[in-house]
Amino acid sequence: QVQLVESGGGLVQPGGSLRLSCATSRSTFMLYAMGWYRQAPGKQRELVATMTTGGGTNYGDSVKGRFTISRDNAKNTVFLQMNNVKPEDTAIYYCCGRNYASGAPDYWGQGTQVTVSS
């Protein structure tokens, strides 16, 4: 059974920073790509960032230049560094894994809440 365990969510002020973590098994970590999506109330789930095992990255337009995805191969963990956060970044953030180069993610974590508010 695939498990993706997110941590690091919480309340942060506008302009602040937060780092999310997603830990998983070695086999899941070596899927084609790992990444993050988010879903705000009343909105569709959207891409935040993905990273392949080869290091290729893809970011959603709204987070480019502010968020950075990275991987720790020794710990089978994917990170999302969120800088200069905005109220519109408020959402549930989901870690995901994808088997192939294209298509929707195949596996999802349970999500972690991020709230940006003063």
PDB file of N, CA and C in Angstrom:
ATOM      1  N   GLN A   1       0.849  -1.184   0.000  1.00  0.00           N
ATOM      2  CA  GLN A   1       0.000   0.000   0.000  1.00  0.00           C
ATOM      3  C   GLN A   1       0.887   1.237   0.000  1.00  0.00           C
ATOM      4  N   VAL A   2       0.587   2.143  -0.923  1.00  0.00           N
ATOM      5  CA  VAL A   2       1.377   3.362  -1.038  1.00  0.00           C
ATOM      6  C   VAL A   2       0.949   4.356   0.022  1.00  0.00           C
ATOM      7  N   GLN A   3       1.928   4.899   0.734  1.00  0.00           N
ATOM      8  CA  GLN A   3       1.640   5.926   1.735  1.00  0.00           C
ATOM      9  C   GLN A   3       2.496   7.152   1.473  1.00  0.00           C
ATOM     10  N   LEU A   4       1.846   8.287   1.459  1.00  0.00           N
ATOM     11  CA  LEU A   4       2.507   9.577   1.330  1.00  0.00           C
ATOM     12  C   LEU A   4       2.099  10.388   2.550  1.00  0.00           C
ATOM     13  N   VAL A   5       3.058  10.755   3.385  1.00  0.00           N
ATOM     14  CA  VAL A   5       2.756  11.408   4.658  1.00  0.00           C
ATOM     15  C   VAL A   5       3.276  12.836   4.626  1.00  0.00           C
ATOM     16  N   GLU A   6       2.340  13.786   4.568  1.00  0.00           N
ATOM     17  CA  GLU A   6       2.704  15.202   4.531  1.00  0.00           C
ATOM     18  C   GLU A   6       2.841  15.764   5.943  1.00  0.00           C
ATOM     19  N   SER A   7       3.679  16.784   6.061  1.00  0.00           N
ATOM     20  CA  SER A   7       3.812  17.524   7.316  1.00  0.00           C
ATOM     21  C   SER A   7       4.302  18.930   7.007  1.00  0.00           C
ATOM     22  N   GLY A   8       4.174  19.807   7.994  1.00  0.00           N
ATOM     23  CA  GLY A   8       4.714  21.158   7.850  1.00  0.00           C
ATOM     24  C   GLY A   8       3.699  22.242   7.594  1.00  0.00           C
ATOM     25  N   GLY A   9       2.432  21.892   7.414  1.00  0.00           N
ATOM     26  CA  GLY A   9       1.422  22.911   7.188  1.00  0.00           C
ATOM     27  C   GLY A   9       1.151  23.719   8.446  1.00  0.00           C
ATOM     28  N   GLY A  10       0.389  24.804   8.284  1.00  0.00           N
ATOM     29  CA  GLY A  10       0.052  25.636   9.428  1.00  0.00           C
ATOM     30  C   GLY A  10      -0.344  27.025   9.010  1.00  0.00           C
ATOM     31  N   LEU A  11      -0.313  27.921   9.979  1.00  0.00           N
ATOM     32  CA  LEU A  11      -0.673  29.314   9.763  1.00  0.00           C
ATOM     33  C   LEU A  11       0.599  30.136   9.561  1.00  0.00           C
ATOM     34  N   VAL A  12       0.613  30.955   8.524  1.00  0.00           N
ATOM     35  CA  VAL A  12       1.770  31.801   8.239  1.00  0.00           C
ATOM     36  C   VAL A  12       1.260  33.167   7.782  1.00  0.00           C
ATOM     37  N   GLN A  13       2.006  34.207   8.106  1.00  0.00           N
ATOM     38  CA  GLN A  13       1.616  35.554   7.717  1.00  0.00           C
ATOM     39  C   GLN A  13       1.996  35.836   6.263  1.00  0.00           C
ATOM     40  N   PRO A  14       1.266  36.715   5.612  1.00  0.00           N
ATOM     41  CA  PRO A  14       1.644  37.104   4.250  1.00  0.00           C
ATOM     42  C   PRO A  14       3.091  37.588   4.201  1.00  0.00           C
ATOM     43  N   GLY A  15       3.805  37.140   3.171  1.00  0.00           N
ATOM     44  CA  GLY A  15       5.205  37.470   3.047  1.00  0.00           C
ATOM     45  C   GLY A  15       6.136  36.525   3.763  1.00  0.00           C
ATOM     46  N   GLY A  16       5.589  35.627   4.544  1.00  0.00           N
ATOM     47  CA  GLY A  16       6.402  34.684   5.305  1.00  0.00           C
ATOM     48  C   GLY A  16       6.762  33.446   4.499  1.00  0.00           C
ATOM     49  N   SER A  17       7.354  32.468   5.199  1.00  0.00           N
ATOM     50  CA  SER A  17       7.818  31.239   4.568  1.00  0.00           C
ATOM     51  C   SER A  17       7.326  30.021   5.331  1.00  0.00           C
ATOM     52  N   LEU A  18       7.249  28.918   4.607  1.00  0.00           N
ATOM     53  CA  LEU A  18       6.827  27.656   5.195  1.00  0.00           C
ATOM     54  C   LEU A  18       7.448  26.542   4.363  1.00  0.00           C
ATOM     55  N   ARG A  19       7.792  25.417   5.004  1.00  0.00           N
ATOM     56  CA  ARG A  19       8.311  24.283   4.261  1.00  0.00           C
ATOM     57  C   ARG A  19       7.467  23.052   4.532  1.00  0.00           C
ATOM     58  N   LEU A  20       6.961  22.460   3.474  1.00  0.00           N
ATOM     59  CA  LEU A  20       6.195  21.224   3.567  1.00  0.00           C
ATOM     60  C   LEU A  20       7.109  20.039   3.260  1.00  0.00           C
ATOM     61  N   SER A  21       6.815  18.918   3.919  1.00  0.00           N
ATOM     62  CA  SER A  21       7.560  17.684   3.696  1.00  0.00           C
ATOM     63  C   SER A  21       6.599  16.557   3.346  1.00  0.00           C
ATOM     64  N   CYS A  22       7.078  15.626   2.543  1.00  0.00           N
ATOM     65  CA  CYS A  22       6.292  14.440   2.180  1.00  0.00           C
ATOM     66  C   CYS A  22       7.220  13.238   2.227  1.00  0.00           C
ATOM     67  N   ALA A  23       6.985  12.369   3.191  1.00  0.00           N
ATOM     68  CA  ALA A  23       7.808  11.172   3.351  1.00  0.00           C
ATOM     69  C   ALA A  23       7.072   9.958   2.797  1.00  0.00           C
ATOM     70  N   THR A  24       7.840   9.060   2.187  1.00  0.00           N
ATOM     71  CA  THR A  24       7.221   7.874   1.620  1.00  0.00           C
ATOM     72  C   THR A  24       8.234   6.738   1.595  1.00  0.00           C
ATOM     73  N   SER A  25       7.833   5.596   1.043  1.00  0.00           N
ATOM     74  CA  SER A  25       8.733   4.461   0.931  1.00  0.00           C
ATOM     75  C   SER A  25       9.697   4.668  -0.242  1.00  0.00           C
ATOM     76  N   ARG A  26      10.741   3.844  -0.264  1.00  0.00           N
ATOM     77  CA  ARG A  26      11.734   3.977  -1.329  1.00  0.00           C
ATOM     78  C   ARG A  26      11.116   3.704  -2.699  1.00  0.00           C
ATOM     79  N   SER A  27      10.281   2.684  -2.773  1.00  0.00           N
ATOM     80  CA  SER A  27       9.696   2.307  -4.061  1.00  0.00           C
ATOM     81  C   SER A  27       8.798   3.415  -4.601  1.00  0.00           C
ATOM     82  N   THR A  28       8.051   4.054  -3.713  1.00  0.00           N
ATOM     83  CA  THR A  28       7.184   5.152  -4.144  1.00  0.00           C
ATOM     84  C   THR A  28       8.016   6.364  -4.521  1.00  0.00           C
ATOM     85  N   PHE A  29       9.041   6.627  -3.741  1.00  0.00           N
ATOM     86  CA  PHE A  29       9.901   7.784  -3.988  1.00  0.00           C
ATOM     87  C   PHE A  29      10.554   7.696  -5.362  1.00  0.00           C
ATOM     88  N   MET A  30      10.768   6.469  -5.869  1.00  0.00           N
ATOM     89  CA  MET A  30      11.435   6.300  -7.160  1.00  0.00           C
ATOM     90  C   MET A  30      10.461   6.201  -8.321  1.00  0.00           C
ATOM     91  N   LEU A  31       9.204   6.564  -8.101  1.00  0.00           N
ATOM     92  CA  LEU A  31       8.277   6.703  -9.215  1.00  0.00           C
ATOM     93  C   LEU A  31       8.805   7.768 -10.173  1.00  0.00           C
ATOM     94  N   TYR A  32       8.190   7.852 -11.341  1.00  0.00           N
ATOM     95  CA  TYR A  32       8.673   8.794 -12.346  1.00  0.00           C
ATOM     96  C   TYR A  32       8.766  10.215 -11.776  1.00  0.00           C
ATOM     97  N   ALA A  33       7.756  10.633 -11.032  1.00  0.00           N
ATOM     98  CA  ALA A  33       7.760  11.995 -10.490  1.00  0.00           C
ATOM     99  C   ALA A  33       7.014  12.049  -9.166  1.00  0.00           C
ATOM    100  N   MET A  34       7.445  12.954  -8.307  1.00  0.00           N
ATOM    101  CA  MET A  34       6.745  13.290  -7.072  1.00  0.00           C
ATOM    102  C   MET A  34       6.414  14.774  -7.112  1.00  0.00           C
ATOM    103  N   GLY A  35       5.411  15.168  -6.341  1.00  0.00           N
ATOM    104  CA  GLY A  35       5.108  16.591  -6.377  1.00  0.00           C
ATOM    105  C   GLY A  35       4.016  17.004  -5.431  1.00  0.00           C
ATOM    106  N   TRP A  36       3.516  18.211  -5.694  1.00  0.00           N
ATOM    107  CA  TRP A  36       2.494  18.830  -4.850  1.00  0.00           C
ATOM    108  C   TRP A  36       1.396  19.454  -5.713  1.00  0.00           C
ATOM    109  N   TYR A  37       0.170  19.250  -5.263  1.00  0.00           N
ATOM    110  CA  TYR A  37      -0.986  19.953  -5.786  1.00  0.00           C
ATOM    111  C   TYR A  37      -1.649  20.648  -4.599  1.00  0.00           C
ATOM    112  N   ARG A  38      -2.563  21.551  -4.880  1.00  0.00           N
ATOM    113  CA  ARG A  38      -3.315  22.196  -3.813  1.00  0.00           C
ATOM    114  C   ARG A  38      -4.761  22.412  -4.240  1.00  0.00           C
ATOM    115  N   GLN A  39      -5.625  22.535  -3.217  1.00  0.00           N
ATOM    116  CA  GLN A  39      -7.041  22.787  -3.487  1.00  0.00           C
ATOM    117  C   GLN A  39      -7.564  23.779  -2.470  1.00  0.00           C
ATOM    118  N   ALA A  40      -8.022  24.915  -2.964  1.00  0.00           N
ATOM    119  CA  ALA A  40      -8.634  25.942  -2.120  1.00  0.00           C
ATOM    120  C   ALA A  40     -10.141  25.716  -2.083  1.00  0.00           C
ATOM    121  N   PRO A  41     -10.818  26.216  -1.051  1.00  0.00           N
ATOM    122  CA  PRO A  41     -12.272  26.047  -0.959  1.00  0.00           C
ATOM    123  C   PRO A  41     -12.987  26.563  -2.202  1.00  0.00           C
ATOM    124  N   GLY A  42     -13.848  25.733  -2.766  1.00  0.00           N
ATOM    125  CA  GLY A  42     -14.620  26.131  -3.930  1.00  0.00           C
ATOM    126  C   GLY A  42     -13.867  26.131  -5.240  1.00  0.00           C
ATOM    127  N   LYS A  43     -12.624  25.650  -5.233  1.00  0.00           N
ATOM    128  CA  LYS A  43     -11.812  25.649  -6.452  1.00  0.00           C
ATOM    129  C   LYS A  43     -11.345  24.240  -6.785  1.00  0.00           C
ATOM    130  N   GLN A  44     -10.933  24.069  -8.033  1.00  0.00           N
ATOM    131  CA  GLN A  44     -10.399  22.780  -8.450  1.00  0.00           C
ATOM    132  C   GLN A  44      -8.979  22.585  -7.938  1.00  0.00           C
ATOM    133  N   ARG A  45      -8.598  21.335  -7.818  1.00  0.00           N
ATOM    134  CA  ARG A  45      -7.223  21.031  -7.429  1.00  0.00           C
ATOM    135  C   ARG A  45      -6.295  21.477  -8.558  1.00  0.00           C
ATOM    136  N   GLU A  46      -5.181  22.100  -8.195  1.00  0.00           N
ATOM    137  CA  GLU A  46      -4.266  22.628  -9.209  1.00  0.00           C
ATOM    138  C   GLU A  46      -2.825  22.239  -8.910  1.00  0.00           C
ATOM    139  N   LEU A  47      -2.042  22.203  -9.969  1.00  0.00           N
ATOM    140  CA  LEU A  47      -0.630  21.890  -9.858  1.00  0.00           C
ATOM    141  C   LEU A  47       0.111  22.974  -9.097  1.00  0.00           C
ATOM    142  N   VAL A  48       0.958  22.559  -8.162  1.00  0.00           N
ATOM    143  CA  VAL A  48       1.895  23.472  -7.515  1.00  0.00           C
ATOM    144  C   VAL A  48       3.286  23.238  -8.100  1.00  0.00           C
ATOM    145  N   ALA A  49       3.796  22.020  -7.943  1.00  0.00           N
ATOM    146  CA  ALA A  49       5.125  21.712  -8.468  1.00  0.00           C
ATOM    147  C   ALA A  49       5.332  20.207  -8.517  1.00  0.00           C
ATOM    148  N   THR A  50       6.090  19.757  -9.500  1.00  0.00           N
ATOM    149  CA  THR A  50       6.506  18.363  -9.573  1.00  0.00           C
ATOM    150  C   THR A  50       7.994  18.279  -9.883  1.00  0.00           C
ATOM    151  N   MET A  51       8.583  17.154  -9.508  1.00  0.00           N
ATOM    152  CA  MET A  51       9.994  16.911  -9.801  1.00  0.00           C
ATOM    153  C   MET A  51      10.180  15.451 -10.156  1.00  0.00           C
ATOM    154  N   THR A  52      10.877  15.181 -11.254  1.00  0.00           N
ATOM    155  CA  THR A  52      11.139  13.813 -11.666  1.00  0.00           C
ATOM    156  C   THR A  52      12.357  13.257 -10.936  1.00  0.00           C
ATOM    157  N   THR A  53      12.565  11.946 -11.052  1.00  0.00           N
ATOM    158  CA  THR A  53      13.752  11.350 -10.454  1.00  0.00           C
ATOM    159  C   THR A  53      15.017  11.895 -11.093  1.00  0.00           C
ATOM    160  N   GLY A  54      14.895  12.383 -12.323  1.00  0.00           N
ATOM    161  CA  GLY A  54      16.036  12.969 -13.012  1.00  0.00           C
ATOM    162  C   GLY A  54      16.287  14.417 -12.658  1.00  0.00           C
ATOM    163  N   GLY A  55      15.401  15.007 -11.851  1.00  0.00           N
ATOM    164  CA  GLY A  55      15.597  16.382 -11.405  1.00  0.00           C
ATOM    165  C   GLY A  55      14.827  17.427 -12.196  1.00  0.00           C
ATOM    166  N   GLY A  56      14.081  17.007 -13.210  1.00  0.00           N
ATOM    167  CA  GLY A  56      13.280  17.959 -13.958  1.00  0.00           C
ATOM    168  C   GLY A  56      12.131  18.489 -13.135  1.00  0.00           C
ATOM    169  N   THR A  57      11.853  19.787 -13.243  1.00  0.00           N
ATOM    170  CA  THR A  57      10.803  20.395 -12.442  1.00  0.00           C
ATOM    171  C   THR A  57       9.743  21.052 -13.318  1.00  0.00           C
ATOM    172  N   ASN A  58       8.551  21.176 -12.739  1.00  0.00           N
ATOM    173  CA  ASN A  58       7.448  21.854 -13.389  1.00  0.00           C
ATOM    174  C   ASN A  58       6.673  22.586 -12.308  1.00  0.00           C
ATOM    175  N   TYR A  59       6.401  23.877 -12.524  1.00  0.00           N
ATOM    176  CA  TYR A  59       5.715  24.683 -11.527  1.00  0.00           C
ATOM    177  C   TYR A  59       4.429  25.291 -12.096  1.00  0.00           C
ATOM    178  N   GLY A  60       3.428  25.435 -11.216  1.00  0.00           N
ATOM    179  CA  GLY A  60       2.256  26.184 -11.588  1.00  0.00           C
ATOM    180  C   GLY A  60       2.612  27.660 -11.741  1.00  0.00           C
ATOM    181  N   ASP A  61       1.920  28.352 -12.642  1.00  0.00           N
ATOM    182  CA  ASP A  61       2.256  29.743 -12.934  1.00  0.00           C
ATOM    183  C   ASP A  61       2.163  30.632 -11.696  1.00  0.00           C
ATOM    184  N   SER A  62       1.229  30.355 -10.816  1.00  0.00           N
ATOM    185  CA  SER A  62       0.990  31.238  -9.676  1.00  0.00           C
ATOM    186  C   SER A  62       2.074  31.141  -8.604  1.00  0.00           C
ATOM    187  N   VAL A  63       2.928  30.134  -8.668  1.00  0.00           N
ATOM    188  CA  VAL A  63       3.950  29.964  -7.628  1.00  0.00           C
ATOM    189  C   VAL A  63       5.370  30.102  -8.161  1.00  0.00           C
ATOM    190  N   LYS A  64       5.516  30.266  -9.461  1.00  0.00           N
ATOM    191  CA  LYS A  64       6.853  30.379 -10.039  1.00  0.00           C
ATOM    192  C   LYS A  64       7.603  31.550  -9.425  1.00  0.00           C
ATOM    193  N   GLY A  65       8.854  31.298  -9.052  1.00  0.00           N
ATOM    194  CA  GLY A  65       9.681  32.337  -8.453  1.00  0.00           C
ATOM    195  C   GLY A  65       9.509  32.468  -6.954  1.00  0.00           C
ATOM    196  N   ARG A  66       8.506  31.812  -6.386  1.00  0.00           N
ATOM    197  CA  ARG A  66       8.261  31.885  -4.942  1.00  0.00           C
ATOM    198  C   ARG A  66       8.419  30.533  -4.247  1.00  0.00           C
ATOM    199  N   PHE A  67       8.019  29.463  -4.904  1.00  0.00           N
ATOM    200  CA  PHE A  67       8.075  28.121  -4.321  1.00  0.00           C
ATOM    201  C   PHE A  67       9.175  27.316  -4.999  1.00  0.00           C
ATOM    202  N   THR A  68       9.783  26.408  -4.227  1.00  0.00           N
ATOM    203  CA  THR A  68      10.831  25.540  -4.756  1.00  0.00           C
ATOM    204  C   THR A  68      10.606  24.114  -4.281  1.00  0.00           C
ATOM    205  N   ILE A  69      10.611  23.183  -5.219  1.00  0.00           N
ATOM    206  CA  ILE A  69      10.482  21.761  -4.873  1.00  0.00           C
ATOM    207  C   ILE A  69      11.873  21.132  -4.864  1.00  0.00           C
ATOM    208  N   SER A  70      12.071  20.202  -3.924  1.00  0.00           N
ATOM    209  CA  SER A  70      13.351  19.505  -3.858  1.00  0.00           C
ATOM    210  C   SER A  70      13.129  18.095  -3.325  1.00  0.00           C
ATOM    211  N   ARG A  71      14.163  17.267  -3.458  1.00  0.00           N
ATOM    212  CA  ARG A  71      14.089  15.873  -3.005  1.00  0.00           C
ATOM    213  C   ARG A  71      15.319  15.547  -2.179  1.00  0.00           C
ATOM    214  N   ASP A  72      15.119  14.759  -1.121  1.00  0.00           N
ATOM    215  CA  ASP A  72      16.225  14.206  -0.344  1.00  0.00           C
ATOM    216  C   ASP A  72      16.223  12.703  -0.596  1.00  0.00           C
ATOM    217  N   ASN A  73      17.143  12.252  -1.431  1.00  0.00           N
ATOM    218  CA  ASN A  73      17.144  10.846  -1.832  1.00  0.00           C
ATOM    219  C   ASN A  73      17.476   9.907  -0.668  1.00  0.00           C
ATOM    220  N   ALA A  74      18.226  10.386   0.285  1.00  0.00           N
ATOM    221  CA  ALA A  74      18.599   9.545   1.426  1.00  0.00           C
ATOM    222  C   ALA A  74      17.424   9.322   2.370  1.00  0.00           C
ATOM    223  N   LYS A  75      16.493  10.286   2.387  1.00  0.00           N
ATOM    224  CA  LYS A  75      15.365  10.201   3.324  1.00  0.00           C
ATOM    225  C   LYS A  75      14.044   9.880   2.636  1.00  0.00           C
ATOM    226  N   ASN A  76      14.082   9.658   1.321  1.00  0.00           N
ATOM    227  CA  ASN A  76      12.845   9.379   0.564  1.00  0.00           C
ATOM    228  C   ASN A  76      11.784  10.436   0.845  1.00  0.00           C
ATOM    229  N   THR A  77      12.196  11.684   0.803  1.00  0.00           N
ATOM    230  CA  THR A  77      11.320  12.791   1.173  1.00  0.00           C
ATOM    231  C   THR A  77      11.358  13.876   0.105  1.00  0.00           C
ATOM    232  N   VAL A  78      10.199  14.428  -0.158  1.00  0.00           N
ATOM    233  CA  VAL A  78      10.058  15.554  -1.081  1.00  0.00           C
ATOM    234  C   VAL A  78       9.663  16.779  -0.266  1.00  0.00           C
ATOM    235  N   PHE A  79      10.246  17.914  -0.610  1.00  0.00           N
ATOM    236  CA  PHE A  79       9.984  19.151   0.111  1.00  0.00           C
ATOM    237  C   PHE A  79       9.372  20.195  -0.817  1.00  0.00           C
ATOM    238  N   LEU A  80       8.610  21.102  -0.216  1.00  0.00           N
ATOM    239  CA  LEU A  80       8.132  22.282  -0.920  1.00  0.00           C
ATOM    240  C   LEU A  80       8.458  23.496  -0.057  1.00  0.00           C
ATOM    241  N   GLN A  81       9.417  24.285  -0.495  1.00  0.00           N
ATOM    242  CA  GLN A  81       9.761  25.518   0.193  1.00  0.00           C
ATOM    243  C   GLN A  81       8.893  26.637  -0.364  1.00  0.00           C
ATOM    244  N   MET A  82       8.110  27.247   0.510  1.00  0.00           N
ATOM    245  CA  MET A  82       7.176  28.294   0.121  1.00  0.00           C
ATOM    246  C   MET A  82       7.663  29.618   0.688  1.00  0.00           C
ATOM    247  N   ASN A  83       8.028  30.543  -0.174  1.00  0.00           N
ATOM    248  CA  ASN A  83       8.499  31.857   0.240  1.00  0.00           C
ATOM    249  C   ASN A  83       7.552  32.938  -0.257  1.00  0.00           C
ATOM    250  N   ASN A  84       7.575  34.071   0.431  1.00  0.00           N
ATOM    251  CA  ASN A  84       6.732  35.211   0.050  1.00  0.00           C
ATOM    252  C   ASN A  84       5.284  34.757  -0.189  1.00  0.00           C
ATOM    253  N   VAL A  85       4.742  34.048   0.781  1.00  0.00           N
ATOM    254  CA  VAL A  85       3.393  33.506   0.603  1.00  0.00           C
ATOM    255  C   VAL A  85       2.352  34.614   0.597  1.00  0.00           C
ATOM    256  N   LYS A  86       1.235  34.323  -0.072  1.00  0.00           N
ATOM    257  CA  LYS A  86       0.145  35.278  -0.216  1.00  0.00           C
ATOM    258  C   LYS A  86      -1.148  34.649   0.293  1.00  0.00           C
ATOM    259  N   PRO A  87      -2.137  35.460   0.640  1.00  0.00           N
ATOM    260  CA  PRO A  87      -3.417  34.893   1.109  1.00  0.00           C
ATOM    261  C   PRO A  87      -4.013  33.894   0.113  1.00  0.00           C
ATOM    262  N   GLU A  88      -3.807  34.112  -1.175  1.00  0.00           N
ATOM    263  CA  GLU A  88      -4.344  33.200  -2.179  1.00  0.00           C
ATOM    264  C   GLU A  88      -3.621  31.862  -2.226  1.00  0.00           C
ATOM    265  N   ASP A  89      -2.553  31.717  -1.464  1.00  0.00           N
ATOM    266  CA  ASP A  89      -1.890  30.409  -1.338  1.00  0.00           C
ATOM    267  C   ASP A  89      -2.589  29.513  -0.312  1.00  0.00           C
ATOM    268  N   THR A  90      -3.566  30.057   0.387  1.00  0.00           N
ATOM    269  CA  THR A  90      -4.316  29.278   1.363  1.00  0.00           C
ATOM    270  C   THR A  90      -5.041  28.123   0.677  1.00  0.00           C
ATOM    271  N   ALA A  91      -4.763  26.906   1.143  1.00  0.00           N
ATOM    272  CA  ALA A  91      -5.335  25.713   0.509  1.00  0.00           C
ATOM    273  C   ALA A  91      -4.903  24.480   1.298  1.00  0.00           C
ATOM    274  N   ILE A  92      -5.488  23.359   0.933  1.00  0.00           N
ATOM    275  CA  ILE A  92      -4.963  22.067   1.381  1.00  0.00           C
ATOM    276  C   ILE A  92      -3.928  21.628   0.340  1.00  0.00           C
ATOM    277  N   TYR A  93      -2.747  21.297   0.800  1.00  0.00           N
ATOM    278  CA  TYR A  93      -1.658  20.893  -0.085  1.00  0.00           C
ATOM    279  C   TYR A  93      -1.517  19.372  -0.030  1.00  0.00           C
ATOM    280  N   TYR A  94      -1.519  18.769  -1.198  1.00  0.00           N
ATOM    281  CA  TYR A  94      -1.458  17.313  -1.314  1.00  0.00           C
ATOM    282  C   TYR A  94      -0.152  16.883  -1.969  1.00  0.00           C
ATOM    283  N   CYS A  95       0.529  15.950  -1.333  1.00  0.00           N
ATOM    284  CA  CYS A  95       1.683  15.304  -1.950  1.00  0.00           C
ATOM    285  C   CYS A  95       1.171  14.240  -2.917  1.00  0.00           C
ATOM    286  N   CYS A  96       1.904  14.018  -4.002  1.00  0.00           N
ATOM    287  CA  CYS A  96       1.440  13.035  -4.980  1.00  0.00           C
ATOM    288  C   CYS A  96       2.623  12.337  -5.633  1.00  0.00           C
ATOM    289  N   GLY A  97       2.319  11.198  -6.242  1.00  0.00           N
ATOM    290  CA  GLY A  97       3.313  10.455  -7.002  1.00  0.00           C
ATOM    291  C   GLY A  97       2.738  10.022  -8.332  1.00  0.00           C
ATOM    292  N   ARG A  98       3.558  10.021  -9.356  1.00  0.00           N
ATOM    293  CA  ARG A  98       3.093   9.686 -10.705  1.00  0.00           C
ATOM    294  C   ARG A  98       4.003   8.643 -11.317  1.00  0.00           C
ATOM    295  N   ASN A  99       3.379   7.617 -11.913  1.00  0.00           N
ATOM    296  CA  ASN A  99       4.137   6.511 -12.488  1.00  0.00           C
ATOM    297  C   ASN A  99       4.763   6.867 -13.833  1.00  0.00           C
ATOM    298  N   TYR A 100       4.101   7.736 -14.587  1.00  0.00           N
ATOM    299  CA  TYR A 100       4.506   7.956 -15.968  1.00  0.00           C
ATOM    300  C   TYR A 100       4.825   9.416 -16.240  1.00  0.00           C
ATOM    301  N   ALA A 101       5.316   9.670 -17.425  1.00  0.00           N
ATOM    302  CA  ALA A 101       5.754  11.020 -17.784  1.00  0.00           C
ATOM    303  C   ALA A 101       4.587  11.979 -17.948  1.00  0.00           C
ATOM    304  N   SER A 102       3.414  11.471 -18.226  1.00  0.00           N
ATOM    305  CA  SER A 102       2.265  12.352 -18.421  1.00  0.00           C
ATOM    306  C   SER A 102       1.047  11.784 -17.703  1.00  0.00           C
ATOM    307  N   GLY A 103       0.025  12.582 -17.620  1.00  0.00           N
ATOM    308  CA  GLY A 103      -1.192  12.139 -16.974  1.00  0.00           C
ATOM    309  C   GLY A 103      -1.284  12.611 -15.538  1.00  0.00           C
ATOM    310  N   ALA A 104      -2.407  12.310 -14.946  1.00  0.00           N
ATOM    311  CA  ALA A 104      -2.656  12.727 -13.563  1.00  0.00           C
ATOM    312  C   ALA A 104      -1.847  11.861 -12.597  1.00  0.00           C
ATOM    313  N   PRO A 105      -1.591  12.376 -11.393  1.00  0.00           N
ATOM    314  CA  PRO A 105      -0.900  11.561 -10.388  1.00  0.00           C
ATOM    315  C   PRO A 105      -1.660  10.268 -10.081  1.00  0.00           C
ATOM    316  N   ASP A 106      -0.899   9.243  -9.715  1.00  0.00           N
ATOM    317  CA  ASP A 106      -1.492   7.946  -9.413  1.00  0.00           C
ATOM    318  C   ASP A 106      -1.736   7.760  -7.920  1.00  0.00           C
ATOM    319  N   TYR A 107      -0.997   8.487  -7.097  1.00  0.00           N
ATOM    320  CA  TYR A 107      -1.095   8.322  -5.655  1.00  0.00           C
ATOM    321  C   TYR A 107      -1.172   9.689  -4.985  1.00  0.00           C
ATOM    322  N   TRP A 108      -1.934   9.733  -3.879  1.00  0.00           N
ATOM    323  CA  TRP A 108      -2.135  10.987  -3.159  1.00  0.00           C
ATOM    324  C   TRP A 108      -1.945  10.799  -1.665  1.00  0.00           C
ATOM    325  N   GLY A 109      -1.411  11.837  -1.018  1.00  0.00           N
ATOM    326  CA  GLY A 109      -1.412  11.886   0.427  1.00  0.00           C
ATOM    327  C   GLY A 109      -2.739  12.422   0.931  1.00  0.00           C
ATOM    328  N   GLN A 110      -2.868  12.536   2.239  1.00  0.00           N
ATOM    329  CA  GLN A 110      -4.126  12.987   2.836  1.00  0.00           C
ATOM    330  C   GLN A 110      -4.240  14.504   2.862  1.00  0.00           C
ATOM    331  N   GLY A 111      -3.140  15.199   2.659  1.00  0.00           N
ATOM    332  CA  GLY A 111      -3.184  16.655   2.602  1.00  0.00           C
ATOM    333  C   GLY A 111      -2.807  17.318   3.907  1.00  0.00           C
ATOM    334  N   THR A 112      -2.275  18.529   3.769  1.00  0.00           N
ATOM    335  CA  THR A 112      -1.941  19.342   4.935  1.00  0.00           C
ATOM    336  C   THR A 112      -2.423  20.777   4.671  1.00  0.00           C
ATOM    337  N   GLN A 113      -3.050  21.371   5.672  1.00  0.00           N
ATOM    338  CA  GLN A 113      -3.654  22.692   5.512  1.00  0.00           C
ATOM    339  C   GLN A 113      -2.587  23.779   5.639  1.00  0.00           C
ATOM    340  N   VAL A 114      -2.603  24.700   4.698  1.00  0.00           N
ATOM    341  CA  VAL A 114      -1.769  25.900   4.771  1.00  0.00           C
ATOM    342  C   VAL A 114      -2.702  27.105   4.746  1.00  0.00           C
ATOM    343  N   THR A 115      -2.585  27.958   5.761  1.00  0.00           N
ATOM    344  CA  THR A 115      -3.405  29.155   5.850  1.00  0.00           C
ATOM    345  C   THR A 115      -2.498  30.378   5.912  1.00  0.00           C
ATOM    346  N   VAL A 116      -2.704  31.308   4.986  1.00  0.00           N
ATOM    347  CA  VAL A 116      -1.914  32.536   4.954  1.00  0.00           C
ATOM    348  C   VAL A 116      -2.817  33.685   5.385  1.00  0.00           C
ATOM    349  N   SER A 117      -2.525  34.227   6.537  1.00  0.00           N
ATOM    350  CA  SER A 117      -3.377  35.265   7.095  1.00  0.00           C
ATOM    351  C   SER A 117      -2.608  36.061   8.132  1.00  0.00           C
ATOM    352  N   SER A 118      -2.954  37.339   8.242  1.00  0.00           N
ATOM    353  CA  SER A 118      -2.347  38.178   9.269  1.00  0.00           C
ATOM    354  C   SER A 118      -3.212  38.205  10.522  1.00  0.00           C
TER     355      SER A 118
END
